[in-house]
Amino acid sequence: ATIIIIIINLIYKFTLDQKKVSEIKTRMKELQKKSKDAPNEEKMKYLN
């Protein structure tokens, strides 16, 4: 199991842009936080 998981992690590490993934996750958290307290019309914009 350890070997399999290390292999999978290496695949993601070298085939996925780690910097971009980090930016996406940060942006998603920001949007989720903004949409939580936003009015309905703005909430749809964040959801889109």
All heavy atoms as atom14 arrays in JSON, in Angstrom:
{
  "sequence": "ATIIIIIINLIYKFTLDQKKVSEIKTRMKELQKKSKDAPNEEKMKYLN",
  "atom14_mask": [
    [1, 1, 1, 1, 1, 0, 0, 0, 0, 0, 0, 0, 0, 0],
    [1, 1, 1, 1, 1, 1, 1, 0, 0, 0, 0, 0, 0, 0],
    [1, 1, 1, 1, 1, 1, 1, 1, 0, 0, 0, 0, 0, 0],
    [1, 1, 1, 1, 1, 1, 1, 1, 0, 0, 0, 0, 0, 0],
    [1, 1, 1, 1, 1, 1, 1, 1, 0, 0, 0, 0, 0, 0],
    [1, 1, 1, 1, 1, 1, 1, 1, 0, 0, 0, 0, 0, 0],
    [1, 1, 1, 1, 1, 1, 1, 1, 0, 0, 0, 0, 0, 0],
    [1, 1, 1, 1, 1, 1, 1, 1, 0, 0, 0, 0, 0, 0],
    [1, 1, 1, 1, 1, 1, 1, 1, 0, 0, 0, 0, 0, 0],
    [1, 1, 1, 1, 1, 1, 1, 1, 0, 0, 0, 0, 0, 0],
    [1, 1, 1, 1, 1, 1, 1, 1, 0, 0, 0, 0, 0, 0],
    [1, 1, 1, 1, 1, 1, 1, 1, 1, 1, 1, 1, 0, 0],
    [1, 1, 1, 1, 1, 1, 1, 1, 1, 0, 0, 0, 0, 0],
    [1, 1, 1, 1, 1, 1, 1, 1, 1, 1, 1, 0, 0, 0],
    [1, 1, 1, 1, 1, 1, 1, 0, 0, 0, 0, 0, 0, 0],
    [1, 1, 1, 1, 1, 1, 1, 1, 0, 0, 0, 0, 0, 0],
    [1, 1, 1, 1, 1, 1, 1, 1, 0, 0, 0, 0, 0, 0],
    [1, 1, 1, 1, 1, 1, 1, 1, 1, 0, 0, 0, 0, 0],
    [1, 1, 1, 1, 1, 1, 1, 1, 1, 0, 0, 0, 0, 0],
    [1, 1, 1, 1, 1, 1, 1, 1, 1, 0, 0, 0, 0, 0],
    [1, 1, 1, 1, 1, 1, 1, 0, 0, 0, 0, 0, 0, 0],
    [1, 1, 1, 1, 1, 1, 0, 0, 0, 0, 0, 0, 0, 0],
    [1, 1, 1, 1, 1, 1, 1, 1, 1, 0, 0, 0, 0, 0],
    [1, 1, 1, 1, 1, 1, 1, 1, 0, 0, 0, 0, 0, 0],
    [1, 1, 1, 1, 1, 1, 1, 1, 1, 0, 0, 0, 0, 0],
    [1, 1, 1, 1, 1, 1, 1, 0, 0, 0, 0, 0, 0, 0],
    [1, 1, 1, 1, 1, 1, 1, 1, 1, 1, 1, 0, 0, 0],
    [1, 1, 1, 1, 1, 1, 1, 1, 0, 0, 0, 0, 0, 0],
    [1, 1, 1, 1, 1, 1, 1, 1, 1, 0, 0, 0, 0, 0],
    [1, 1, 1, 1, 1, 1, 1, 1, 1, 0, 0, 0, 0, 0],
    [1, 1, 1, 1, 1, 1, 1, 1, 0, 0, 0, 0, 0, 0],
    [1, 1, 1, 1, 1, 1, 1, 1, 1, 0, 0, 0, 0, 0],
    [1, 1, 1, 1, 1, 1, 1, 1, 1, 0, 0, 0, 0, 0],
    [1, 1, 1, 1, 1, 1, 1, 1, 1, 0, 0, 0, 0, 0],
    [1, 1, 1, 1, 1, 1, 0, 0, 0, 0, 0, 0, 0, 0],
    [1, 1, 1, 1, 1, 1, 1, 1, 1, 0, 0, 0, 0, 0],
    [1, 1, 1, 1, 1, 1, 1, 1, 0, 0, 0, 0, 0, 0],
    [1, 1, 1, 1, 1, 0, 0, 0, 0, 0, 0, 0, 0, 0],
    [1, 1, 1, 1, 1, 1, 1, 0, 0, 0, 0, 0, 0, 0],
    [1, 1, 1, 1, 1, 1, 1, 1, 0, 0, 0, 0, 0, 0],
    [1, 1, 1, 1, 1, 1, 1, 1, 1, 0, 0, 0, 0, 0],
    [1, 1, 1, 1, 1, 1, 1, 1, 1, 0, 0, 0, 0, 0],
    [1, 1, 1, 1, 1, 1, 1, 1, 1, 0, 0, 0, 0, 0],
    [1, 1, 1, 1, 1, 1, 1, 1, 0, 0, 0, 0, 0, 0],
    [1, 1, 1, 1, 1, 1, 1, 1, 1, 0, 0, 0, 0, 0],
    [1, 1, 1, 1, 1, 1, 1, 1, 1, 1, 1, 1, 0, 0],
    [1, 1, 1, 1, 1, 1, 1, 1, 0, 0, 0, 0, 0, 0],
    [1, 1, 1, 1, 1, 1, 1, 1, 0, 0, 0, 0, 0, 0]
  ],
  "atom14_positions": [
    [[0.83, -1.21, 0.0], [0.0, 0.0, 0.0], [0.86, 1.26, 0.0], [0.56, 2.24, -0.7], [-0.93, -0.01, 1.21], [0.0, 0.0, 0.0], [0.0, 0.0, 0.0], [0.0, 0.0, 0.0], [0.0, 0.0, 0.0], [0.0, 0.0, 0.0], [0.0, 0.0, 0.0], [0.0, 0.0, 0.0], [0.0, 0.0, 0.0], [0.0, 0.0, 0.0]],
    [[1.95, 1.23, 0.77], [2.86, 2.38, 0.82], [3.49, 2.64, -0.54], [3.57, 3.79, -0.99], [3.97, 2.15, 1.87], [3.37, 1.89, 3.15], [4.88, 3.35, 1.98], [0.0, 0.0, 0.0], [0.0, 0.0, 0.0], [0.0, 0.0, 0.0], [0.0, 0.0, 0.0], [0.0, 0.0, 0.0], [0.0, 0.0, 0.0], [0.0, 0.0, 0.0]],
    [[3.93, 1.56, -1.21], [4.53, 1.69, -2.55], [3.53, 2.28, -3.53], [3.85, 3.21, -4.3], [5.03, 0.33, -3.04], [6.22, -0.15, -2.2], [5.43, 0.4, -4.52], [6.64, -1.58, -2.47], [0.0, 0.0, 0.0], [0.0, 0.0, 0.0], [0.0, 0.0, 0.0], [0.0, 0.0, 0.0], [0.0, 0.0, 0.0], [0.0, 0.0, 0.0]],
    [[2.3, 1.76, -3.52], [1.27, 2.23, -4.44], [1.0, 3.72, -4.23], [0.92, 4.51, -5.19], [-0.05, 1.44, -4.24], [0.1, 0.02, -4.77], [-1.21, 2.14, -4.93], [0.06, -0.11, -6.26], [0.0, 0.0, 0.0], [0.0, 0.0, 0.0], [0.0, 0.0, 0.0], [0.0, 0.0, 0.0], [0.0, 0.0, 0.0], [0.0, 0.0, 0.0]],
    [[0.85, 4.14, -2.98], [0.52, 5.53, -2.67], [1.68, 6.46, -3.03], [1.47, 7.56, -3.54], [0.12, 5.68, -1.2], [-1.21, 4.95, -0.96], [-0.01, 7.14, -0.8], [-1.57, 4.74, 0.48], [0.0, 0.0, 0.0], [0.0, 0.0, 0.0], [0.0, 0.0, 0.0], [0.0, 0.0, 0.0], [0.0, 0.0, 0.0], [0.0, 0.0, 0.0]],
    [[2.91, 6.01, -2.81], [4.08, 6.82, -3.21], [4.1, 7.0, -4.72], [4.34, 8.11, -5.23], [5.39, 6.17, -2.71], [5.51, 6.31, -1.19], [6.6, 6.81, -3.39], [6.69, 5.57, -0.59], [0.0, 0.0, 0.0], [0.0, 0.0, 0.0], [0.0, 0.0, 0.0], [0.0, 0.0, 0.0], [0.0, 0.0, 0.0], [0.0, 0.0, 0.0]],
    [[3.83, 5.93, -5.46], [3.79, 6.01, -6.93], [2.71, 6.98, -7.38], [2.94, 7.83, -8.26], [3.54, 4.61, -7.54], [4.77, 3.71, -7.33], [3.24, 4.72, -9.04], [4.55, 2.26, -7.74], [0.0, 0.0, 0.0], [0.0, 0.0, 0.0], [0.0, 0.0, 0.0], [0.0, 0.0, 0.0], [0.0, 0.0, 0.0], [0.0, 0.0, 0.0]],
    [[1.52, 6.88, -6.78], [0.41, 7.78, -7.14], [0.77, 9.23, -6.85], [0.53, 10.13, -7.66], [-0.87, 7.38, -6.39], [-1.38, 6.02, -6.9], [-1.95, 8.45, -6.56], [-2.53, 5.46, -6.1], [0.0, 0.0, 0.0], [0.0, 0.0, 0.0], [0.0, 0.0, 0.0], [0.0, 0.0, 0.0], [0.0, 0.0, 0.0], [0.0, 0.0, 0.0]],
    [[1.39, 9.48, -5.69], [1.79, 10.83, -5.33], [2.83, 11.4, -6.3], [2.77, 12.57, -6.68], [2.35, 10.87, -3.91], [1.27, 10.79, -2.86], [0.11, 11.1, -3.11], [1.63, 10.37, -1.66], [0.0, 0.0, 0.0], [0.0, 0.0, 0.0], [0.0, 0.0, 0.0], [0.0, 0.0, 0.0], [0.0, 0.0, 0.0], [0.0, 0.0, 0.0]],
    [[3.76, 10.54, -6.72], [4.78, 10.98, -7.69], [4.15, 11.32, -9.04], [4.55, 12.28, -9.7], [5.85, 9.89, -7.85], [6.8, 9.69, -6.67], [7.69, 8.49, -6.89], [7.64, 10.94, -6.43], [0.0, 0.0, 0.0], [0.0, 0.0, 0.0], [0.0, 0.0, 0.0], [0.0, 0.0, 0.0], [0.0, 0.0, 0.0], [0.0, 0.0, 0.0]],
    [[3.16, 10.52, -9.43], [2.45, 10.78, -10.7], [1.8, 12.16, -10.65], [1.94, 12.96, -11.58], [1.4, 9.69, -10.97], [2.08, 8.35, -11.3], [0.48, 10.11, -12.12], [1.13, 7.18, -11.33], [0.0, 0.0, 0.0], [0.0, 0.0, 0.0], [0.0, 0.0, 0.0], [0.0, 0.0, 0.0], [0.0, 0.0, 0.0], [0.0, 0.0, 0.0]],
    [[1.1, 12.44, -9.56], [0.42, 13.74, -9.43], [1.43, 14.89, -9.3], [1.2, 15.99, -9.81], [-0.54, 13.73, -8.25], [-1.9, 13.19, -8.6], [-2.15, 11.82, -8.6], [-2.93, 14.05, -8.96], [-3.41, 11.32, -8.94], [-4.18, 13.56, -9.3], [-4.41, 12.2, -9.29], [-5.65, 11.71, -9.64], [0.0, 0.0, 0.0], [0.0, 0.0, 0.0]],
    [[2.51, 14.62, -8.6], [3.51, 15.67, -8.37], [4.16, 16.12, -9.68], [4.45, 17.32, -9.87], [4.59, 15.16, -7.4], [5.53, 16.26, -6.9], [6.47, 15.71, -5.87], [7.38, 16.79, -5.3], [6.68, 17.74, -4.45], [0.0, 0.0, 0.0], [0.0, 0.0, 0.0], [0.0, 0.0, 0.0], [0.0, 0.0, 0.0], [0.0, 0.0, 0.0]],
    [[4.4, 15.18, -10.6], [5.14, 15.52, -11.82], [4.26, 15.67, -13.06], [4.77, 16.05, -14.12], [6.23, 14.46, -12.06], [7.32, 14.49, -11.03], [7.42, 13.5, -10.07], [8.24, 15.52, -11.01], [8.42, 13.52, -9.11], [9.25, 15.56, -10.05], [9.34, 14.56, -9.1], [0.0, 0.0, 0.0], [0.0, 0.0, 0.0], [0.0, 0.0, 0.0]],
    [[2.99, 15.36, -12.96], [2.11, 15.56, -14.13], [1.1, 16.67, -13.9], [0.41, 17.08, -14.82], [1.35, 14.26, -14.48], [0.52, 13.87, -13.38], [2.32, 13.13, -14.82], [0.0, 0.0, 0.0], [0.0, 0.0, 0.0], [0.0, 0.0, 0.0], [0.0, 0.0, 0.0], [0.0, 0.0, 0.0], [0.0, 0.0, 0.0], [0.0, 0.0, 0.0]],
    [[1.01, 17.14, -12.66], [0.05, 18.19, -12.31], [0.82, 19.43, -11.86], [1.74, 19.33, -11.06], [-0.86, 17.69, -11.18], [-2.22, 18.35, -11.0], [-3.08, 18.22, -12.24], [-2.95, 17.73, -9.81], [0.0, 0.0, 0.0], [0.0, 0.0, 0.0], [0.0, 0.0, 0.0], [0.0, 0.0, 0.0], [0.0, 0.0, 0.0], [0.0, 0.0, 0.0]],
    [[0.45, 20.56, -12.42], [1.09, 21.83, -12.06], [0.74, 22.15, -10.6], [-0.36, 22.63, -10.3], [0.59, 22.94, -12.99], [1.37, 24.24, -12.82], [1.86, 24.49, -11.71], [1.49, 24.99, -13.8], [0.0, 0.0, 0.0], [0.0, 0.0, 0.0], [0.0, 0.0, 0.0], [0.0, 0.0, 0.0], [0.0, 0.0, 0.0], [0.0, 0.0, 0.0]],
    [[1.68, 21.9, -9.7], [1.42, 22.05, -8.27], [1.12, 23.5, -7.88], [0.28, 23.76, -7.02], [2.62, 21.54, -7.47], [2.89, 20.05, -7.63], [1.8, 19.2, -7.0], [1.62, 19.2, -5.8], [1.06, 18.47, -7.83], [0.0, 0.0, 0.0], [0.0, 0.0, 0.0], [0.0, 0.0, 0.0], [0.0, 0.0, 0.0], [0.0, 0.0, 0.0]],
    [[1.8, 24.46, -8.55], [1.56, 25.87, -8.25], [0.14, 26.27, -8.66], [-0.56, 26.97, -7.92], [2.58, 26.72, -9.0], [2.47, 28.2, -8.67], [3.52, 29.01, -9.42], [3.38, 30.5, -9.11], [4.38, 31.3, -9.87], [0.0, 0.0, 0.0], [0.0, 0.0, 0.0], [0.0, 0.0, 0.0], [0.0, 0.0, 0.0], [0.0, 0.0, 0.0]],
    [[-0.28, 25.79, -9.81], [-1.61, 26.12, -10.3], [-2.69, 25.49, -9.43], [-3.74, 26.09, -9.17], [-1.77, 25.66, -11.75], [-2.9, 26.35, -12.48], [-2.75, 26.18, -13.97], [-3.8, 27.01, -14.7], [-3.66, 26.92, -16.17], [0.0, 0.0, 0.0], [0.0, 0.0, 0.0], [0.0, 0.0, 0.0], [0.0, 0.0, 0.0], [0.0, 0.0, 0.0]],
    [[-2.45, 24.26, -9.0], [-3.4, 23.59, -8.11], [-3.57, 24.37, -6.82], [-4.68, 24.55, -6.32], [-2.95, 22.14, -7.81], [-3.82, 21.52, -6.71], [-3.01, 21.28, -9.06], [0.0, 0.0, 0.0], [0.0, 0.0, 0.0], [0.0, 0.0, 0.0], [0.0, 0.0, 0.0], [0.0, 0.0, 0.0], [0.0, 0.0, 0.0], [0.0, 0.0, 0.0]],
    [[-2.45, 24.84, -6.27], [-2.48, 25.63, -5.04], [-3.28, 26.91, -5.25], [-4.08, 27.31, -4.39], [-1.05, 25.96, -4.6], [-1.07, 26.67, -3.39], [0.0, 0.0, 0.0], [0.0, 0.0, 0.0], [0.0, 0.0, 0.0], [0.0, 0.0, 0.0], [0.0, 0.0, 0.0], [0.0, 0.0, 0.0], [0.0, 0.0, 0.0], [0.0, 0.0, 0.0]],
    [[-3.09, 27.56, -6.41], [-3.82, 28.78, -6.72], [-5.32, 28.51, -6.85], [-6.15, 29.3, -6.38], [-3.29, 29.39, -8.01], [-1.88, 29.96, -7.88], [-1.3, 30.38, -9.22], [-1.96, 30.13, -10.26], [-0.19, 30.95, -9.25], [0.0, 0.0, 0.0], [0.0, 0.0, 0.0], [0.0, 0.0, 0.0], [0.0, 0.0, 0.0], [0.0, 0.0, 0.0]],
    [[-5.66, 27.39, -7.49], [-7.07, 27.02, -7.66], [-7.73, 26.79, -6.31], [-8.84, 27.27, -6.05], [-7.18, 25.77, -8.56], [-6.89, 26.13, -10.01], [-8.58, 25.13, -8.43], [-6.83, 24.93, -10.95], [0.0, 0.0, 0.0], [0.0, 0.0, 0.0], [0.0, 0.0, 0.0], [0.0, 0.0, 0.0], [0.0, 0.0, 0.0], [0.0, 0.0, 0.0]],
    [[-7.07, 26.06, -5.44], [-7.64, 25.75, -4.13], [-7.82, 27.03, -3.3], [-8.82, 27.19, -2.59], [-6.76, 24.74, -3.39], [-6.82, 23.33, -3.99], [-6.06, 22.33, -3.17], [-6.19, 20.93, -3.75], [-7.55, 20.4, -3.67], [0.0, 0.0, 0.0], [0.0, 0.0, 0.0], [0.0, 0.0, 0.0], [0.0, 0.0, 0.0], [0.0, 0.0, 0.0]],
    [[-6.83, 27.92, -3.38], [-6.93, 29.19, -2.66], [-8.1, 30.01, -3.18], [-8.88, 30.58, -2.39], [-5.62, 30.0, -2.8], [-4.54, 29.23, -2.28], [-5.71, 31.31, -2.05], [0.0, 0.0, 0.0], [0.0, 0.0, 0.0], [0.0, 0.0, 0.0], [0.0, 0.0, 0.0], [0.0, 0.0, 0.0], [0.0, 0.0, 0.0], [0.0, 0.0, 0.0]],
    [[-8.24, 30.08, -4.5], [-9.32, 30.85, -5.11], [-10.68, 30.24, -4.77], [-11.65, 30.99, -4.49], [-9.14, 30.89, -6.63], [-10.2, 31.71, -7.38], [-10.27, 33.13, -6.87], [-11.28, 33.91, -7.57], [-11.79, 35.05, -7.12], [-11.37, 35.55, -5.97], [-12.71, 35.7, -7.8], [0.0, 0.0, 0.0], [0.0, 0.0, 0.0], [0.0, 0.0, 0.0]],
    [[-10.77, 28.94, -4.77], [-12.03, 28.28, -4.44], [-12.45, 28.59, -3.0], [-13.63, 28.82, -2.72], [-11.9, 26.77, -4.63], [-11.86, 26.33, -6.09], [-13.43, 26.57, -6.97], [-14.35, 25.16, -6.38], [0.0, 0.0, 0.0], [0.0, 0.0, 0.0], [0.0, 0.0, 0.0], [0.0, 0.0, 0.0], [0.0, 0.0, 0.0], [0.0, 0.0, 0.0]],
    [[-11.49, 28.6, -2.09], [-11.8, 28.93, -0.69], [-12.3, 30.37, -0.57], [-13.22, 30.66, 0.18], [-10.55, 28.73, 0.18], [-10.22, 27.27, 0.44], [-8.96, 27.14, 1.29], [-8.62, 25.68, 1.53], [-7.36, 25.52, 2.33], [0.0, 0.0, 0.0], [0.0, 0.0, 0.0], [0.0, 0.0, 0.0], [0.0, 0.0, 0.0], [0.0, 0.0, 0.0]],
    [[-11.67, 31.27, -1.34], [-12.09, 32.67, -1.32], [-13.52, 32.81, -1.83], [-14.34, 33.54, -1.25], [-11.15, 33.51, -2.19], [-9.74, 33.67, -1.62], [-8.81, 34.39, -2.58], [-9.25, 34.7, -3.72], [-7.65, 34.64, -2.21], [0.0, 0.0, 0.0], [0.0, 0.0, 0.0], [0.0, 0.0, 0.0], [0.0, 0.0, 0.0], [0.0, 0.0, 0.0]],
    [[-13.81, 32.13, -2.93], [-15.15, 32.21, -3.52], [-16.21, 31.62, -2.61], [-17.31, 32.14, -2.49], [-15.16, 31.51, -4.88], [-14.37, 32.19, -6.01], [-14.27, 31.29, -7.22], [-15.01, 33.52, -6.39], [0.0, 0.0, 0.0], [0.0, 0.0, 0.0], [0.0, 0.0, 0.0], [0.0, 0.0, 0.0], [0.0, 0.0, 0.0], [0.0, 0.0, 0.0]],
    [[-15.86, 30.5, -1.96], [-16.8, 29.87, -1.04], [-17.11, 30.79, 0.14], [-18.26, 30.9, 0.59], [-16.23, 28.54, -0.54], [-16.24, 27.44, -1.58], [-15.45, 26.23, -1.16], [-14.8, 26.21, -0.11], [-15.5, 25.17, -1.96], [0.0, 0.0, 0.0], [0.0, 0.0, 0.0], [0.0, 0.0, 0.0], [0.0, 0.0, 0.0], [0.0, 0.0, 0.0]],
    [[-16.08, 31.49, 0.61], [-16.26, 32.4, 1.74], [-17.11, 33.6, 1.33], [-18.0, 34.04, 2.07], [-14.88, 32.87, 2.24], [-14.94, 33.68, 3.52], [-13.54, 34.02, 4.0], [-13.61, 34.84, 5.29], [-12.25, 35.19, 5.8], [0.0, 0.0, 0.0], [0.0, 0.0, 0.0], [0.0, 0.0, 0.0], [0.0, 0.0, 0.0], [0.0, 0.0, 0.0]],
    [[-16.85, 34.14, 0.11], [-17.6, 35.3, -0.37], [-19.07, 34.94, -0.65], [-19.97, 35.73, -0.35], [-16.96, 35.84, -1.64], [-15.65, 36.56, -1.41], [-15.06, 37.06, -2.72], [-13.74, 37.79, -2.49], [-13.15, 38.28, -3.75], [0.0, 0.0, 0.0], [0.0, 0.0, 0.0], [0.0, 0.0, 0.0], [0.0, 0.0, 0.0], [0.0, 0.0, 0.0]],
    [[-19.28, 33.76, -1.23], [-20.65, 33.37, -1.61], [-21.52, 33.07, -0.4], [-22.74, 33.17, -0.47], [-20.62, 32.15, -2.54], [-20.12, 31.01, -1.85], [0.0, 0.0, 0.0], [0.0, 0.0, 0.0], [0.0, 0.0, 0.0], [0.0, 0.0, 0.0], [0.0, 0.0, 0.0], [0.0, 0.0, 0.0], [0.0, 0.0, 0.0], [0.0, 0.0, 0.0]],
    [[-20.88, 32.74, 0.7], [-21.64, 32.36, 1.9], [-22.51, 33.51, 2.42], [-23.66, 33.31, 2.81], [-20.66, 31.9, 2.99], [-21.33, 31.3, 4.2], [-20.3, 30.77, 5.18], [-20.97, 30.14, 6.39], [-19.98, 29.65, 7.39], [0.0, 0.0, 0.0], [0.0, 0.0, 0.0], [0.0, 0.0, 0.0], [0.0, 0.0, 0.0], [0.0, 0.0, 0.0]],
    [[-21.95, 34.72, 2.4], [-22.66, 35.88, 2.94], [-23.15, 36.84, 1.86], [-23.65, 37.93, 2.17], [-21.75, 36.64, 3.92], [-21.28, 35.75, 5.07], [-22.1, 34.98, 5.59], [-20.08, 35.82, 5.42], [0.0, 0.0, 0.0], [0.0, 0.0, 0.0], [0.0, 0.0, 0.0], [0.0, 0.0, 0.0], [0.0, 0.0, 0.0], [0.0, 0.0, 0.0]],
    [[-22.99, 36.46, 0.58], [-23.36, 37.36, -0.51], [-24.86, 37.31, -0.79], [-25.52, 36.29, -0.53], [-22.58, 36.98, -1.76], [0.0, 0.0, 0.0], [0.0, 0.0, 0.0], [0.0, 0.0, 0.0], [0.0, 0.0, 0.0], [0.0, 0.0, 0.0], [0.0, 0.0, 0.0], [0.0, 0.0, 0.0], [0.0, 0.0, 0.0], [0.0, 0.0, 0.0]],
    [[-25.42, 38.4, -1.35], [-26.82, 38.38, -1.79], [-27.0, 37.34, -2.91], [-26.02, 36.93, -3.54], [-27.04, 39.8, -2.34], [-25.94, 40.61, -1.76], [-24.78, 39.7, -1.53], [0.0, 0.0, 0.0], [0.0, 0.0, 0.0], [0.0, 0.0, 0.0], [0.0, 0.0, 0.0], [0.0, 0.0, 0.0], [0.0, 0.0, 0.0], [0.0, 0.0, 0.0]],
    [[-28.22, 36.96, -3.18], [-28.51, 35.9, -4.15], [-27.93, 36.18, -5.54], [-27.39, 35.28, -6.19], [-30.02, 35.67, -4.26], [-30.56, 34.99, -3.01], [-29.81, 34.31, -2.3], [-31.83, 35.16, -2.73], [0.0, 0.0, 0.0], [0.0, 0.0, 0.0], [0.0, 0.0, 0.0], [0.0, 0.0, 0.0], [0.0, 0.0, 0.0], [0.0, 0.0, 0.0]],
    [[-28.07, 37.44, -6.02], [-27.58, 37.76, -7.37], [-26.05, 37.64, -7.45], [-25.5, 37.18, -8.45], [-28.03, 39.15, -7.81], [-27.62, 40.3, -6.89], [-28.64, 40.55, -5.79], [-29.52, 39.69, -5.56], [-28.56, 41.61, -5.15], [0.0, 0.0, 0.0], [0.0, 0.0, 0.0], [0.0, 0.0, 0.0], [0.0, 0.0, 0.0], [0.0, 0.0, 0.0]],
    [[-25.36, 38.05, -6.39], [-23.9, 37.92, -6.38], [-23.48, 36.47, -6.13], [-22.45, 36.01, -6.64], [-23.29, 38.82, -5.29], [-23.3, 40.28, -5.63], [-22.49, 41.1, -4.63], [-21.52, 40.55, -4.06], [-22.84, 42.27, -4.42], [0.0, 0.0, 0.0], [0.0, 0.0, 0.0], [0.0, 0.0, 0.0], [0.0, 0.0, 0.0], [0.0, 0.0, 0.0]],
    [[-24.27, 35.77, -5.35], [-23.96, 34.37, -5.05], [-23.9, 33.53, -6.32], [-23.04, 32.67, -6.47], [-25.01, 33.8, -4.1], [-24.68, 32.41, -3.58], [-25.66, 31.96, -2.5], [-25.44, 32.73, -1.22], [-26.28, 32.2, -0.11], [0.0, 0.0, 0.0], [0.0, 0.0, 0.0], [0.0, 0.0, 0.0], [0.0, 0.0, 0.0], [0.0, 0.0, 0.0]],
    [[-24.82, 33.79, -7.26], [-24.83, 33.05, -8.52], [-23.56, 33.31, -9.32], [-23.02, 32.42, -9.97], [-26.05, 33.44, -9.35], [-27.36, 32.83, -8.86], [-27.28, 31.01, -8.78], [-26.94, 30.6, -10.49], [0.0, 0.0, 0.0], [0.0, 0.0, 0.0], [0.0, 0.0, 0.0], [0.0, 0.0, 0.0], [0.0, 0.0, 0.0], [0.0, 0.0, 0.0]],
    [[-23.08, 34.57, -9.25], [-21.84, 34.92, -9.95], [-20.66, 34.11, -9.4], [-19.84, 33.56, -10.15], [-21.57, 36.42, -9.8], [-20.31, 36.9, -10.55], [-20.06, 38.37, -10.33], [-19.55, 38.63, -8.91], [-19.16, 40.05, -8.7], [0.0, 0.0, 0.0], [0.0, 0.0, 0.0], [0.0, 0.0, 0.0], [0.0, 0.0, 0.0], [0.0, 0.0, 0.0]],
    [[-20.6, 34.0, -8.07], [-19.53, 33.23, -7.43], [-19.66, 31.74, -7.75], [-18.66, 31.07, -8.0], [-19.55, 33.45, -5.92], [-19.2, 34.85, -5.5], [-19.96, 35.51, -4.52], [-18.11, 35.52, -6.05], [-19.64, 36.8, -4.12], [-17.79, 36.82, -5.65], [-18.56, 37.45, -4.7], [-18.25, 38.73, -4.3], [0.0, 0.0, 0.0], [0.0, 0.0, 0.0]],
    [[-20.88, 31.25, -7.74], [-21.1, 29.83, -8.04], [-20.71, 29.49, -9.47], [-20.14, 28.43, -9.74], [-22.57, 29.46, -7.79], [-23.03, 29.43, -6.33], [-24.53, 29.19, -6.24], [-22.29, 28.34, -5.55], [0.0, 0.0, 0.0], [0.0, 0.0, 0.0], [0.0, 0.0, 0.0], [0.0, 0.0, 0.0], [0.0, 0.0, 0.0], [0.0, 0.0, 0.0]],
    [[-21.0, 30.39, -10.4], [-20.63, 30.17, -11.8], [-19.12, 30.13, -11.97], [-18.58, 29.32, -12.73], [-21.22, 31.27, -12.69], [-22.72, 31.13, -12.85], [-23.27, 30.04, -12.71], [-23.4, 32.25, -13.13], [0.0, 0.0, 0.0], [0.0, 0.0, 0.0], [0.0, 0.0, 0.0], [0.0, 0.0, 0.0], [0.0, 0.0, 0.0], [0.0, 0.0, 0.0]]
  ]
}
